[in-house]
Every structure is written in C-alpha cells, then in structure tokens.
N, C-alpha and C. Protein backbone atom coordinates (compact mmCIF):
# COMPACT_ATOMS: atom_id res chain seq x y z
N MET A 1 26.29 -25.39 18.62
CA MET A 1 26.82 -26.41 18.51
C MET A 1 25.85 -27.65 17.93
N GLN A 2 25.79 -28.09 17.04
CA GLN A 2 24.73 -29.04 16.53
C GLN A 2 24.68 -30.32 17.27
N LYS A 3 25.87 -31.23 17.61
CA LYS A 3 25.85 -32.42 18.34
C LYS A 3 26.06 -31.99 19.59
N ARG A 4 25.32 -32.39 20.78
CA ARG A 4 25.73 -32.37 22.21
C ARG A 4 26.98 -33.01 22.63
N CYS A 5 27.90 -32.32 23.42
CA CYS A 5 29.11 -33.09 23.79
C CYS A 5 28.67 -33.91 25.00
N LYS A 6 29.21 -34.83 25.39
CA LYS A 6 29.20 -35.64 26.49
C LYS A 6 29.79 -35.29 27.57
N ALA A 7 29.52 -35.22 28.74
CA ALA A 7 30.36 -34.61 30.05
C ALA A 7 30.58 -35.92 31.03
N HIS A 8 31.69 -36.01 31.87
CA HIS A 8 31.56 -36.78 33.00
C HIS A 8 32.44 -35.98 33.88
N VAL A 9 31.74 -36.15 35.31
CA VAL A 9 32.40 -35.26 36.22
C VAL A 9 32.63 -36.22 37.55
N ALA A 10 33.65 -36.10 38.48
CA ALA A 10 34.12 -36.45 39.47
C ALA A 10 34.67 -35.58 40.57
N MET A 11 33.93 -35.56 41.87
CA MET A 11 34.44 -34.60 42.64
C MET A 11 34.69 -35.44 44.14
N GLU A 12 35.46 -35.00 44.62
CA GLU A 12 35.97 -35.50 46.19
C GLU A 12 36.49 -34.37 46.85
N GLU A 13 36.54 -34.35 48.19
CA GLU A 13 37.21 -33.28 49.04
C GLU A 13 38.27 -32.60 48.21
N ARG A 14 38.08 -31.40 47.78
CA ARG A 14 38.84 -30.35 47.19
C ARG A 14 39.70 -31.29 45.89
N TYR A 15 39.12 -32.03 45.21
CA TYR A 15 39.44 -32.33 44.09
C TYR A 15 38.30 -32.26 43.34
N ALA A 16 38.33 -32.02 41.85
CA ALA A 16 37.25 -32.24 40.82
C ALA A 16 37.73 -32.10 39.69
N ARG A 17 37.20 -33.03 38.65
CA ARG A 17 37.47 -33.54 37.56
C ARG A 17 36.38 -33.37 36.52
N LEU A 18 36.36 -32.66 35.21
CA LEU A 18 35.33 -32.95 34.36
C LEU A 18 35.94 -33.17 33.06
N GLU A 19 35.32 -34.08 32.38
CA GLU A 19 35.95 -34.52 31.03
C GLU A 19 34.75 -34.48 30.13
N ILE A 20 35.06 -33.73 29.15
CA ILE A 20 34.15 -33.46 27.98
C ILE A 20 34.74 -34.01 26.77
N ASP A 21 33.62 -34.76 26.36
CA ASP A 21 34.01 -35.59 25.09
C ASP A 21 33.72 -34.83 23.72
N TYR A 22 34.59 -34.79 22.82
CA TYR A 22 34.32 -33.81 21.56
C TYR A 22 34.32 -35.00 20.38
N ASP A 23 33.47 -34.30 19.48
CA ASP A 23 33.43 -35.23 18.29
C ASP A 23 33.84 -34.49 16.73
N SER A 24 34.41 -33.16 16.99
CA SER A 24 35.00 -32.70 16.00
C SER A 24 36.04 -31.43 16.44
N VAL A 25 36.85 -31.05 15.41
CA VAL A 25 37.89 -30.17 15.79
C VAL A 25 37.10 -28.78 16.02
N GLU A 26 36.10 -28.66 15.35
CA GLU A 26 35.15 -27.17 15.84
C GLU A 26 34.85 -27.37 17.44
N GLU A 27 34.15 -28.59 17.87
CA GLU A 27 33.76 -28.79 19.10
C GLU A 27 34.83 -28.57 20.20
N LYS A 28 36.01 -29.00 19.93
CA LYS A 28 37.19 -29.02 20.73
C LYS A 28 37.65 -27.45 20.54
N LYS A 29 37.85 -26.61 19.64
CA LYS A 29 38.11 -25.17 19.53
C LYS A 29 37.18 -24.51 20.56
N ASN A 30 35.80 -24.87 20.12
CA ASN A 30 34.84 -24.06 21.06
C ASN A 30 35.01 -24.56 22.76
N ILE A 31 35.34 -25.58 22.96
CA ILE A 31 35.57 -25.78 24.36
C ILE A 31 36.64 -25.02 24.89
N CYS A 32 37.90 -25.36 24.22
CA CYS A 32 38.95 -24.51 24.46
C CYS A 32 38.83 -23.11 24.59
N ASN A 33 37.85 -22.27 23.83
CA ASN A 33 37.81 -20.86 23.86
C ASN A 33 36.97 -20.61 25.22
N LEU A 34 35.90 -21.19 25.30
CA LEU A 34 34.98 -21.15 26.52
C LEU A 34 35.93 -21.34 27.90
N VAL A 35 36.70 -22.28 28.03
CA VAL A 35 37.35 -22.69 29.31
C VAL A 35 38.46 -21.43 29.43
N ASN A 36 38.86 -21.18 28.53
CA ASN A 36 39.80 -19.85 28.25
C ASN A 36 39.40 -18.66 29.11
N ASP A 37 37.94 -18.24 28.44
CA ASP A 37 37.22 -17.46 29.23
C ASP A 37 36.83 -17.11 30.78
N LEU A 38 36.47 -18.30 30.84
CA LEU A 38 36.21 -18.57 32.17
C LEU A 38 37.37 -18.53 33.21
N ILE A 39 38.59 -19.33 32.68
CA ILE A 39 39.61 -19.08 33.61
C ILE A 39 39.95 -17.51 34.18
N VAL A 40 39.82 -16.86 32.79
CA VAL A 40 40.08 -15.40 33.32
C VAL A 40 39.06 -14.88 34.02
N LYS A 41 37.69 -15.09 33.80
CA LYS A 41 36.37 -14.63 34.74
C LYS A 41 36.63 -15.33 36.10
N TYR A 42 36.93 -16.46 36.23
CA TYR A 42 36.91 -16.99 37.82
C TYR A 42 38.45 -16.87 38.42
N LYS A 43 39.42 -16.45 37.68
CA LYS A 43 40.82 -16.04 38.12
C LYS A 43 41.25 -17.64 38.88
N ILE A 44 41.17 -18.43 37.99
CA ILE A 44 41.55 -19.84 38.60
C ILE A 44 42.70 -20.43 37.68
N SER A 45 43.43 -21.50 37.86
CA SER A 45 44.12 -22.08 36.69
C SER A 45 44.15 -23.71 37.02
N PRO A 46 43.23 -24.11 36.44
CA PRO A 46 42.85 -25.73 36.48
C PRO A 46 44.31 -26.08 35.70
N GLN A 47 44.42 -27.53 36.02
CA GLN A 47 45.06 -28.57 34.88
C GLN A 47 44.33 -28.78 33.84
N ILE A 48 44.67 -28.68 32.74
CA ILE A 48 43.88 -28.99 31.42
C ILE A 48 44.69 -29.96 30.41
N THR A 49 44.13 -31.23 30.18
CA THR A 49 44.48 -32.06 29.36
C THR A 49 43.71 -32.51 28.22
N VAL A 50 44.22 -32.48 27.04
CA VAL A 50 43.45 -32.75 26.10
C VAL A 50 43.99 -34.27 25.40
N GLU A 51 42.90 -35.18 25.45
CA GLU A 51 43.50 -36.43 25.23
C GLU A 51 42.70 -37.03 24.00
N PRO A 52 43.41 -36.96 22.73
CA PRO A 52 42.63 -37.39 21.57
C PRO A 52 42.62 -38.62 21.43
N LYS A 53 41.69 -39.17 20.71
CA LYS A 53 41.47 -40.37 20.52
C LYS A 53 41.84 -40.55 18.87
N ASP A 54 41.53 -39.61 18.31
CA ASP A 54 42.04 -39.59 16.49
C ASP A 54 42.16 -38.19 16.30
N VAL A 55 42.09 -37.99 14.99
CA VAL A 55 42.28 -36.52 14.40
C VAL A 55 40.98 -35.66 15.16
N GLU A 56 39.93 -36.13 14.89
CA GLU A 56 38.56 -35.48 15.04
C GLU A 56 38.21 -35.49 16.63
N THR A 57 38.41 -36.58 17.36
CA THR A 57 37.53 -36.93 18.55
C THR A 57 38.56 -37.04 19.47
N GLY A 58 37.91 -36.89 20.98
CA GLY A 58 38.87 -36.97 22.03
C GLY A 58 37.96 -36.54 23.30
N GLU A 59 38.78 -36.27 24.41
CA GLU A 59 38.36 -35.83 25.45
C GLU A 59 39.02 -34.58 25.91
N TYR A 60 38.39 -33.69 26.44
CA TYR A 60 39.04 -32.33 27.13
C TYR A 60 38.74 -32.40 28.45
N VAL A 61 39.87 -32.54 29.35
CA VAL A 61 40.02 -32.82 30.77
C VAL A 61 40.37 -31.66 31.50
N ILE A 62 39.46 -31.48 32.44
CA ILE A 62 39.82 -30.02 33.39
C ILE A 62 39.83 -30.55 34.74
N GLU A 63 41.04 -30.30 35.63
CA GLU A 63 40.89 -30.92 36.82
C GLU A 63 41.35 -29.57 37.79
N PHE A 64 40.93 -29.78 38.99
CA PHE A 64 41.39 -29.06 40.16
C PHE A 64 41.80 -29.89 41.30
N HIS A 65 43.14 -29.76 41.51
CA HIS A 65 43.64 -30.52 42.59
C HIS A 65 43.53 -29.97 44.07
N ASP A 66 43.54 -28.92 44.29
CA ASP A 66 43.35 -28.23 45.59
C ASP A 66 42.43 -26.97 45.62
N ASP A 67 41.14 -27.53 45.18
CA ASP A 67 40.02 -26.61 45.21
C ASP A 67 39.41 -25.98 46.50
N TYR A 68 40.34 -25.45 47.30
CA TYR A 68 40.40 -25.01 48.48
C TYR A 68 39.16 -23.87 48.58
N ASP A 69 38.82 -23.17 47.79
CA ASP A 69 37.67 -21.94 47.48
C ASP A 69 36.40 -22.73 46.88
N LYS A 70 36.28 -23.80 46.55
CA LYS A 70 35.34 -24.45 45.94
C LYS A 70 34.83 -23.42 44.65
N LYS A 71 35.77 -23.32 43.76
CA LYS A 71 35.60 -22.51 42.61
C LYS A 71 35.29 -23.55 41.14
N ALA A 72 35.44 -24.66 41.57
CA ALA A 72 35.53 -25.68 40.36
C ALA A 72 33.56 -25.81 40.27
N GLY A 73 33.11 -25.80 41.20
CA GLY A 73 31.65 -26.12 40.79
C GLY A 73 30.91 -24.96 40.28
N PRO A 74 30.93 -23.87 40.37
CA PRO A 74 30.27 -22.73 39.49
C PRO A 74 31.24 -22.63 38.20
N PHE A 75 32.50 -22.88 38.02
CA PHE A 75 32.97 -22.84 36.68
C PHE A 75 32.70 -23.87 35.78
N PHE A 76 32.63 -25.19 36.53
CA PHE A 76 31.83 -26.35 35.46
C PHE A 76 30.38 -25.97 35.50
N GLU A 77 29.55 -25.28 36.18
CA GLU A 77 28.22 -25.20 35.93
C GLU A 77 28.00 -24.29 34.89
N GLU A 78 28.97 -23.15 34.68
CA GLU A 78 28.84 -22.02 33.67
C GLU A 78 29.23 -22.63 32.46
N LEU A 79 30.27 -23.43 32.33
CA LEU A 79 30.82 -24.23 31.19
C LEU A 79 29.69 -25.29 30.52
N LEU A 80 29.29 -25.92 31.30
CA LEU A 80 28.31 -27.15 30.97
C LEU A 80 27.13 -26.16 30.33
N ALA A 81 26.90 -25.33 30.93
CA ALA A 81 25.44 -24.44 30.53
C ALA A 81 25.85 -23.64 29.34
N THR A 82 26.97 -23.21 29.14
CA THR A 82 26.95 -22.36 27.87
C THR A 82 27.35 -23.69 26.68
N LEU A 83 27.73 -24.87 26.96
CA LEU A 83 27.97 -25.82 26.11
C LEU A 83 26.57 -26.49 25.65
N GLY A 84 25.75 -26.21 26.47
CA GLY A 84 24.34 -26.76 26.42
C GLY A 84 24.00 -28.33 26.73
N ILE A 85 25.29 -28.39 28.01
CA ILE A 85 25.21 -29.98 28.41
C ILE A 85 24.30 -29.66 29.64
N ASP A 86 23.23 -30.36 29.78
CA ASP A 86 22.22 -30.23 30.95
C ASP A 86 22.53 -31.63 31.89
N LYS A 87 23.34 -32.59 31.70
CA LYS A 87 23.24 -33.76 32.50
C LYS A 87 24.90 -34.55 32.15
N CYS A 88 25.35 -34.80 33.20
CA CYS A 88 26.75 -35.68 33.32
C CYS A 88 26.79 -36.87 33.61
N ASP A 89 27.47 -37.58 33.38
CA ASP A 89 27.54 -38.98 33.78
C ASP A 89 28.39 -39.21 35.07
C-alpha cells in the first residue's frame, strides 16, 4: 500500500470500534480481504459497515458490541500492523 490509511479507535467496557479511512478502491479491497482473513483466524463475527464518502474514498468500520472475551484488541492490532498503521487517532 503506497499511502498509509488513517485509523481511529474507540474502546469501552466490552465495546470496541475501529474506523479505517481508505483513499482508493484498492485500499478498500485490501482492508476487506485482511478483515475477512482475520475473522476466520480469530473465529469472531464483528459488525462491519462501509461508509463511502464518494466512489473512491470512505471509512471501513469494525465494531464489537459484546466483546466479553476481549478478542477485539489482538484482532485490531494484527489488522493495523498488517496495514502498516502504527498510530491511531
């Protein structure tokens, strides 16, 4: 990925949300593929929403509403590391 995506994270007790901004359809596809692979690896089912701003850009949102087993943290960390994002807002 040439340009680094931006990420925003929010976590509370048993709730976690990660928003990843994408600037191209290719970035969006890459995020989607990585998320799908990690869902299988971690055996989880987060709520996923894609919020387009226009044809090329938008936000890919991943939410855990009842993260009793605290799987969101490792999932988010691996996703961000794979995308090359080392800092979140």
